[in-house]
Amino acid sequence: MERDTKNRIKKAFVLLLKPLIKLALRNGINYREFSELSKGCFIKVAFDEYGVNGRTTNNSRVAMITGINRKDIKRTKDTLLEGGIEAPRAPDRIARIISGWSHDDKYSENGQARPLTETEFGLLAEEYGGDIAVTTLLKELVRSEVIEKRNEHYELKKLFYIPRPSTGKEPTLDYIDPDAITHAGSIINDHLTTIYHNLYREERQEPQRFERRATNVCIDKAHIGEFKQFIDHTAQRYLEEVDQWLTQHESTQNKSDNVRLGMGTYWIQGKDCRQ
């Protein structure tokens, strides 16, 4: 039974991670950076939530709970004390290739990447990129407009690489406003915090928090516009009523027992997530 529960949780994590990974790849965050962020979050939550009898837990217990070695835990703990979790921009293989192309005298002139033949690019990729297949690498970098082929030579056009999604839209480091991503992260955090509360509320003997959705997998696409009008009107009116209530009950004093309260709504559209 416990194994079945764990497997179902893993499947739920896949549903959770897919949109996060889409957002990561679209903004140039690779697996190594994502892994470092994840490691930091595991360690922070273990320290914050898994102390014994109200005491702060230690590195050894965090290592046992998370499966992360104590050296990494100490390093991350020191980072947390200095101001938070931040994934280091550890150079990935493509970043190393671009850097080598720009600075190695074998592939550059006066600090500028020079045009390379496919053979020369293969030597560069082998030296700085490891086991990436050269043909695949060239196709991807051309597609993402990092390099350009001219007269049997490849020229470096950009000093950064972001995978181009299937939409074909040109990737850019400024594609999304960072404040918009921060806002999106806060929404996801609010929603998942409520879900976590509801899953484990009984052990704390706390009431369930409202979390519902209305969805149907058999709606004709022709109704999308009509549904949008309905939601824009109904949801906006509902949130205005919520905001009015919150304003009427807002405390005028900065009390230590003040809490953050609110409700959120979000649009649902796509394939059945079970498929």
Protein backbone atom coordinates (compact mmCIF):
# COMPACT_ATOMS: atom_id res chain seq x y z
CA MET A 1 0.00 0.00 0.00
CA GLU A 2 2.81 2.44 0.90
CA ARG A 3 4.63 1.66 -2.36
CA ASP A 4 1.42 2.25 -4.33
CA THR A 5 0.93 5.61 -2.59
CA LYS A 6 4.51 6.64 -3.33
CA ASN A 7 4.13 5.70 -7.01
CA ARG A 8 0.95 7.77 -7.26
CA ILE A 9 2.76 10.72 -5.65
CA LYS A 10 5.55 10.37 -8.21
CA LYS A 11 2.99 10.51 -11.02
CA ALA A 12 1.49 13.63 -9.45
CA PHE A 13 4.98 15.17 -9.34
CA VAL A 14 5.35 14.58 -13.08
CA LEU A 15 2.16 16.59 -13.67
CA LEU A 16 3.52 19.31 -11.40
CA LEU A 17 6.99 19.43 -12.92
CA LYS A 18 6.05 19.52 -16.62
CA PRO A 19 4.89 23.17 -16.69
CA LEU A 20 7.78 24.20 -14.44
CA ILE A 21 10.30 22.56 -16.77
CA LYS A 22 8.66 24.19 -19.79
CA LEU A 23 9.12 27.54 -18.03
CA ALA A 24 12.73 26.67 -17.11
CA LEU A 25 13.76 25.65 -20.63
CA ARG A 26 12.01 28.64 -22.18
CA ASN A 27 14.16 30.91 -20.00
CA GLY A 28 17.52 29.17 -20.28
CA ILE A 29 17.53 27.30 -16.97
CA ASN A 30 19.11 23.91 -17.59
CA TYR A 31 18.84 20.66 -15.65
CA ARG A 32 21.97 21.31 -13.61
CA GLU A 33 20.68 24.66 -12.37
CA PHE A 34 17.20 23.24 -11.75
CA SER A 35 18.77 20.36 -9.82
CA GLU A 36 20.76 22.77 -7.63
CA LEU A 37 17.63 24.80 -6.90
CA SER A 38 15.75 21.61 -6.05
CA LYS A 39 18.56 20.49 -3.75
CA GLY A 40 18.50 23.82 -1.96
CA CYS A 41 14.73 23.61 -1.47
CA PHE A 42 14.97 20.06 -0.09
CA ILE A 43 17.55 21.22 2.44
CA LYS A 44 15.65 24.38 3.43
CA VAL A 45 12.37 22.52 3.95
CA ALA A 46 14.12 19.81 5.96
CA PHE A 47 15.68 22.42 8.25
CA ASP A 48 12.46 24.43 8.55
CA GLU A 49 9.95 21.61 8.96
CA TYR A 50 11.70 18.56 10.41
CA GLY A 51 13.19 19.61 13.71
CA VAL A 52 12.50 17.31 16.67
CA ASN A 53 10.47 18.60 19.64
CA GLY A 54 10.64 22.16 18.36
CA ARG A 55 14.43 22.16 18.11
CA THR A 56 16.40 23.02 14.98
CA THR A 57 17.51 19.85 13.24
CA ASN A 58 21.17 19.17 12.42
CA ASN A 59 23.09 18.40 9.23
CA SER A 60 23.19 14.65 9.86
CA ARG A 61 19.42 14.40 10.25
CA VAL A 62 18.86 16.52 7.12
CA ALA A 63 21.25 14.20 5.24
CA MET A 64 19.28 11.18 6.41
CA ILE A 65 15.91 12.70 5.47
CA THR A 66 16.89 14.10 2.07
CA GLY A 67 19.58 11.70 0.88
CA ILE A 68 21.91 14.64 0.23
CA ASN A 69 25.49 14.41 1.48
CA ARG A 70 26.51 16.53 4.46
CA LYS A 71 29.10 18.52 2.49
CA ASP A 72 26.39 19.84 0.16
CA ILE A 73 24.09 20.45 3.11
CA LYS A 74 26.70 22.56 4.91
CA ARG A 75 27.44 24.56 1.75
CA THR A 76 23.74 25.18 1.10
CA LYS A 77 23.07 25.99 4.76
CA ASP A 78 25.78 28.66 4.66
CA THR A 79 24.16 30.08 1.51
CA LEU A 80 20.79 30.19 3.24
CA LEU A 81 22.27 32.10 6.16
CA GLU A 82 23.74 34.61 3.71
CA GLY A 83 20.39 35.39 2.15
CA GLY A 84 18.60 32.57 0.39
CA ILE A 85 18.66 29.86 -2.24
CA GLU A 86 20.25 30.60 -5.56
CA ALA A 87 21.41 28.11 -8.16
CA PRO A 88 24.96 28.83 -9.31
CA ARG A 89 25.35 29.56 -13.01
CA ALA A 90 27.51 26.49 -13.39
CA PRO A 91 28.52 26.45 -17.07
CA ASP A 92 26.78 23.67 -19.00
CA ARG A 93 28.37 22.03 -22.01
CA ILE A 94 27.02 24.45 -24.59
CA ALA A 95 28.05 27.42 -22.45
CA ARG A 96 31.56 25.96 -22.21
CA ILE A 97 31.66 25.54 -25.99
CA ILE A 98 30.62 29.17 -26.55
CA SER A 99 33.15 30.38 -23.98
CA GLY A 100 35.95 28.28 -25.50
CA TRP A 101 35.06 29.51 -28.97
CA SER A 102 35.32 33.11 -27.79
CA HIS A 103 38.48 32.88 -25.67
CA ASP A 104 40.60 29.92 -26.78
CA ASP A 105 43.28 31.12 -29.24
CA LYS A 106 42.76 27.96 -31.30
CA TYR A 107 39.22 29.06 -32.15
CA SER A 108 39.30 32.85 -31.72
CA GLU A 109 41.21 35.94 -32.74
CA ASN A 110 41.70 38.90 -30.39
CA GLY A 111 39.01 37.60 -28.05
CA GLN A 112 36.45 37.19 -30.84
CA ALA A 113 35.15 33.83 -32.07
CA ARG A 114 36.31 33.22 -35.64
CA PRO A 115 34.38 31.26 -38.30
CA LEU A 116 34.99 27.51 -38.01
CA THR A 117 34.68 24.66 -40.46
CA GLU A 118 32.59 21.68 -39.38
CA THR A 119 35.81 19.80 -38.61
CA GLU A 120 37.14 22.66 -36.47
CA PHE A 121 33.80 22.96 -34.71
CA GLY A 122 33.94 19.22 -34.01
CA LEU A 123 37.31 19.64 -32.29
CA LEU A 124 35.92 22.57 -30.26
CA ALA A 125 32.86 20.55 -29.24
CA GLU A 126 34.96 17.55 -28.26
CA GLU A 127 37.32 19.67 -26.17
CA TYR A 128 34.69 21.74 -24.35
CA GLY A 129 31.43 19.84 -24.71
CA GLY A 130 32.22 16.22 -24.02
CA ASP A 131 30.09 13.55 -25.69
CA ILE A 132 27.52 15.71 -27.51
CA ALA A 133 27.01 14.50 -31.09
CA VAL A 134 28.44 17.21 -33.36
CA THR A 135 25.74 16.91 -36.05
CA THR A 136 22.95 17.20 -33.48
CA LEU A 137 24.72 20.10 -31.78
CA LEU A 138 25.16 22.02 -35.04
CA LYS A 139 21.51 21.57 -36.04
CA GLU A 140 20.28 22.75 -32.63
CA LEU A 141 22.56 25.78 -32.47
CA VAL A 142 21.62 26.82 -36.01
CA ARG A 143 17.93 26.34 -35.22
CA SER A 144 18.25 28.45 -32.06
CA GLU A 145 20.21 31.07 -34.05
CA VAL A 146 23.25 30.83 -31.80
CA ILE A 147 25.38 30.10 -34.85
CA GLU A 148 24.95 30.69 -38.59
CA LYS A 149 26.40 28.76 -41.52
CA ARG A 150 28.11 30.79 -44.26
CA ASN A 151 30.27 29.40 -47.06
CA GLU A 152 31.00 26.10 -45.32
CA HIS A 153 31.91 27.92 -42.10
CA TYR A 154 29.95 28.38 -38.88
CA GLU A 155 29.88 31.82 -37.25
CA LEU A 156 28.99 32.50 -33.61
CA LYS A 157 26.08 34.97 -33.44
CA LYS A 158 25.05 34.87 -29.77
CA LEU A 159 26.87 34.36 -26.49
CA PHE A 160 23.97 32.52 -24.87
CA TYR A 161 21.81 29.52 -25.73
CA ILE A 162 18.13 29.02 -25.00
CA PRO A 163 16.32 26.08 -26.65
CA ARG A 164 13.80 27.24 -29.24
CA PRO A 165 10.39 25.66 -28.61
CA SER A 166 8.35 24.03 -31.37
CA THR A 167 6.47 27.33 -31.91
CA GLY A 168 9.59 28.61 -33.63
CA LYS A 169 9.52 31.93 -31.76
CA GLU A 170 13.01 33.35 -31.36
CA PRO A 171 14.33 32.72 -27.84
CA THR A 172 15.56 35.69 -25.85
CA LEU A 173 16.73 36.22 -22.29
CA ASP A 174 14.13 38.98 -21.94
CA TYR A 175 11.22 36.99 -23.35
CA ILE A 176 9.25 37.24 -20.09
CA ASP A 177 9.25 40.06 -17.57
CA PRO A 178 11.03 38.72 -14.42
CA ASP A 179 8.33 40.32 -12.28
CA ALA A 180 5.72 38.29 -14.17
CA ILE A 181 7.62 35.09 -13.40
CA THR A 182 7.87 36.08 -9.72
CA HIS A 183 4.11 36.67 -9.73
CA ALA A 184 3.52 33.27 -11.35
CA GLY A 185 5.72 31.60 -8.73
CA SER A 186 3.72 33.20 -5.91
CA ILE A 187 0.45 31.91 -7.43
CA ILE A 188 1.81 28.37 -7.72
CA ASN A 189 3.13 28.58 -4.16
CA ASP A 190 -0.25 29.70 -2.82
CA HIS A 191 -2.11 26.92 -4.61
CA LEU A 192 0.28 24.14 -3.61
CA THR A 193 0.41 25.38 -0.02
CA THR A 194 -3.38 24.99 0.16
CA ILE A 195 -3.21 21.51 -1.39
CA TYR A 196 -0.50 20.45 1.07
CA HIS A 197 -2.55 21.82 3.97
CA ASN A 198 -5.61 19.85 2.91
CA LEU A 199 -3.67 16.61 2.49
CA TYR A 200 -2.23 16.73 6.01
CA ARG A 201 -4.71 18.91 7.92
CA GLU A 202 -6.10 16.04 9.99
CA GLU A 203 -2.81 15.44 11.80
CA ARG A 204 -2.94 19.08 12.92
CA GLN A 205 -6.72 18.98 13.48
CA GLU A 206 -7.24 22.03 11.28
CA PRO A 207 -10.22 22.76 8.99
CA GLN A 208 -10.02 22.14 5.27
CA ARG A 209 -9.25 25.13 3.08
CA PHE A 210 -11.43 25.81 0.04
CA GLU A 211 -9.91 24.32 -3.12
CA ARG A 212 -12.19 23.37 -5.98
CA ARG A 213 -12.29 23.34 -9.76
CA ALA A 214 -14.93 22.94 -12.45
CA THR A 215 -13.77 21.32 -15.69
CA ASN A 216 -15.12 19.27 -18.59
CA VAL A 217 -13.13 17.40 -21.27
CA CYS A 218 -15.94 17.39 -23.87
CA ILE A 219 -16.38 21.07 -24.77
CA ASP A 220 -16.48 22.17 -28.43
CA LYS A 221 -13.69 24.68 -29.23
CA ALA A 222 -16.35 26.97 -30.68
CA HIS A 223 -17.43 27.80 -27.13
CA ILE A 224 -14.04 29.09 -25.95
CA GLY A 225 -14.88 32.74 -26.67
CA GLU A 226 -18.27 32.49 -24.99
CA PHE A 227 -16.69 30.82 -21.96
CA LYS A 228 -14.07 33.57 -21.76
CA GLN A 229 -16.76 36.24 -21.62
CA PHE A 230 -18.60 34.29 -18.94
CA ILE A 231 -15.44 33.82 -16.83
CA ASP A 232 -14.24 37.40 -17.28
CA HIS A 233 -17.53 38.67 -15.92
CA THR A 234 -18.26 36.07 -13.23
CA ALA A 235 -14.74 35.61 -11.85
CA GLN A 236 -14.00 39.34 -11.83
CA ARG A 237 -17.22 40.07 -9.94
CA TYR A 238 -16.44 37.30 -7.45
CA LEU A 239 -12.89 38.56 -6.81
CA GLU A 240 -14.15 42.11 -6.37
CA GLU A 241 -16.53 40.85 -3.68
CA VAL A 242 -13.68 38.99 -1.99
CA ASP A 243 -11.48 42.09 -2.15
CA GLN A 244 -14.26 44.21 -0.67
CA TRP A 245 -14.69 41.80 2.24
CA LEU A 246 -10.95 41.74 2.90
CA THR A 247 -10.77 45.52 2.81
CA GLN A 248 -13.64 45.82 5.31
CA HIS A 249 -11.87 43.46 7.72
CA GLU A 250 -8.36 44.83 7.29
CA SER A 251 -6.59 45.50 10.58
CA THR A 252 -5.37 49.04 11.11
CA GLN A 253 -2.71 47.85 13.55
CA ASN A 254 0.47 45.92 12.84
CA LYS A 255 -0.32 42.98 15.11
CA SER A 256 1.86 39.92 15.41
CA ASP A 257 -1.15 37.66 14.85
CA ASN A 258 -2.17 39.29 11.55
CA VAL A 259 -2.34 36.78 8.68
CA ARG A 260 -2.49 36.89 4.91
CA LEU A 261 -5.90 35.80 3.56
CA GLY A 262 -7.33 35.65 0.08
CA MET A 263 -8.68 33.57 -2.78
CA GLY A 264 -7.40 32.90 -6.28
CA THR A 265 -8.92 31.80 -9.57
CA TYR A 266 -7.27 30.48 -12.72
CA TRP A 267 -8.26 29.46 -16.26
CA ILE A 268 -8.10 25.79 -17.29
CA GLN A 269 -7.58 24.78 -20.92
CA GLY A 270 -5.75 21.92 -22.59
CA LYS A 271 -5.75 18.17 -23.05
CA ASP A 272 -6.92 15.83 -20.35
CA CYS A 273 -3.91 15.74 -17.97
CA ARG A 274 -4.40 11.98 -17.55
CA GLN A 275 -3.52 11.37 -21.20
